[in-house]
Amino acid sequence: MIHAFKLGCAGLALLLLPGCIAKTALDVATAPVKVAGKGVDLATTSQSEADEKRGRELRKREERLGKLERQWHEYDRECSAGVEAACSRRSETAAEIAELRPTIPAES
């Protein structure tokens, strides 16, 4: 009776194992493709990620331009009040504004 039970278990194992072996063989065969695919996904930037990055950079330039314009107005008031150093800083700030402005697209 025990001998029959062992034979039954062995027969059942033989029926089930080929599926497990085939699945393992498939996993082993497809592993390099999956790994390469993950590497490509990590190495490439999606269009939406590129758009987000461009948007962040644009907002930083716009913020910098706003700060420079506020500084220019302050230096202009000081220069008008007779502070010579402010006149020099106003000119330097105007040059930086002129350099930064073309990198910001015009609003429609």
Protein backbone atom coordinates (compact mmCIF):
# COMPACT_ATOMS: atom_id res chain seq x y z
CA MET A 1 0.00 0.00 0.00
CA ILE A 2 2.77 2.41 0.87
CA HIS A 3 4.58 1.30 -2.26
CA ALA A 4 1.51 2.14 -4.38
CA PHE A 5 1.23 5.55 -2.70
CA LYS A 6 4.87 6.32 -3.52
CA LEU A 7 4.33 5.28 -7.13
CA GLY A 8 1.23 7.48 -7.32
CA CYS A 9 3.13 10.49 -5.95
CA ALA A 10 5.98 9.84 -8.38
CA GLY A 11 3.54 9.63 -11.28
CA LEU A 12 1.82 12.82 -10.20
CA ALA A 13 5.19 14.58 -9.88
CA LEU A 14 6.11 13.48 -13.40
CA LEU A 15 2.91 15.01 -14.73
CA LEU A 16 3.35 18.31 -12.90
CA LEU A 17 7.10 18.81 -13.22
CA PRO A 18 7.28 19.26 -16.99
CA GLY A 19 5.14 22.40 -16.64
CA CYS A 20 7.43 23.74 -13.93
CA ILE A 21 10.52 22.89 -15.96
CA ALA A 22 9.06 24.54 -19.05
CA LYS A 23 8.15 27.67 -17.06
CA THR A 24 11.64 27.83 -15.58
CA ALA A 25 13.22 27.39 -19.00
CA LEU A 26 11.02 30.18 -20.37
CA ASP A 27 11.95 32.47 -17.48
CA VAL A 28 15.65 31.78 -18.00
CA ALA A 29 15.37 32.39 -21.74
CA THR A 30 13.45 35.67 -21.41
CA ALA A 31 15.45 37.09 -18.48
CA PRO A 32 18.12 38.81 -20.63
CA VAL A 33 15.43 40.50 -22.72
CA LYS A 34 13.62 41.72 -19.61
CA VAL A 35 16.85 43.03 -18.07
CA ALA A 36 17.81 44.81 -21.30
CA GLY A 37 14.34 46.34 -21.54
CA LYS A 38 14.59 47.69 -18.00
CA GLY A 39 18.00 49.16 -18.80
CA VAL A 40 16.66 50.93 -21.87
CA ASP A 41 13.71 52.29 -19.86
CA LEU A 42 16.06 53.65 -17.23
CA ALA A 43 18.51 55.10 -19.77
CA THR A 44 15.96 56.92 -21.91
CA THR A 45 13.88 59.94 -21.03
CA SER A 46 10.23 59.88 -21.99
CA GLN A 47 8.73 62.83 -23.84
CA SER A 48 6.67 63.83 -20.81
CA GLU A 49 9.77 63.78 -18.59
CA ALA A 50 11.62 65.95 -21.11
CA ASP A 51 8.67 68.37 -21.23
CA GLU A 52 8.57 68.57 -17.42
CA LYS A 53 12.31 69.26 -17.28
CA ARG A 54 12.02 71.98 -19.94
CA GLY A 55 9.11 73.53 -18.05
CA ARG A 56 11.11 73.62 -14.79
CA GLU A 57 14.07 75.24 -16.53
CA LEU A 58 11.81 77.82 -18.18
CA ARG A 59 10.15 78.70 -14.85
CA LYS A 60 13.58 79.16 -13.24
CA ARG A 61 14.64 81.55 -16.03
CA GLU A 62 11.35 83.47 -15.70
CA GLU A 63 11.84 83.76 -11.93
CA ARG A 64 15.41 84.97 -12.45
CA LEU A 65 14.23 87.54 -15.00
CA GLY A 66 11.57 88.83 -12.57
CA LYS A 67 14.16 89.17 -9.80
CA LEU A 68 16.57 91.01 -12.09
CA GLU A 69 13.85 93.40 -13.23
CA ARG A 70 12.94 94.21 -9.62
CA GLN A 71 16.64 94.80 -8.85
CA TRP A 72 16.97 97.03 -11.92
CA HIS A 73 14.05 99.21 -10.75
CA GLU A 74 15.58 99.50 -7.27
CA TYR A 75 18.98 100.44 -8.72
CA ASP A 76 17.28 102.92 -11.05
CA ARG A 77 15.60 104.68 -8.09
CA GLU A 78 18.89 104.75 -6.20
CA CYS A 79 20.76 106.04 -9.27
CA SER A 80 18.15 108.79 -9.73
CA ALA A 81 18.72 109.71 -6.07
CA GLY A 82 22.42 110.21 -6.81
CA VAL A 83 23.98 106.91 -5.67
CA GLU A 84 26.71 106.33 -8.25
CA ALA A 85 27.31 102.68 -7.31
CA ALA A 86 23.66 101.97 -8.03
CA CYS A 87 24.10 103.37 -11.56
CA SER A 88 26.87 100.85 -12.21
CA ARG A 89 24.84 97.96 -10.76
CA ARG A 90 21.84 99.09 -12.83
CA SER A 91 23.93 98.81 -16.02
CA GLU A 92 25.23 95.36 -15.05
CA THR A 93 21.71 94.18 -14.25
CA ALA A 94 20.40 95.55 -17.57
CA ALA A 95 23.09 93.58 -19.40
CA GLU A 96 22.10 90.38 -17.61
CA ILE A 97 18.43 91.02 -18.39
CA ALA A 98 19.29 91.55 -22.07
CA GLU A 99 21.17 88.24 -22.10
CA LEU A 100 18.40 86.28 -20.33
CA ARG A 101 15.33 87.71 -22.10
CA PRO A 102 15.86 85.93 -25.49
CA THR A 103 15.86 82.53 -23.75
CA ILE A 104 12.28 83.01 -22.58
CA PRO A 105 9.58 82.47 -25.21
CA ALA A 106 7.09 85.27 -25.76
CA GLU A 107 3.60 84.67 -24.44
CA SER A 108 0.86 84.52 -27.03
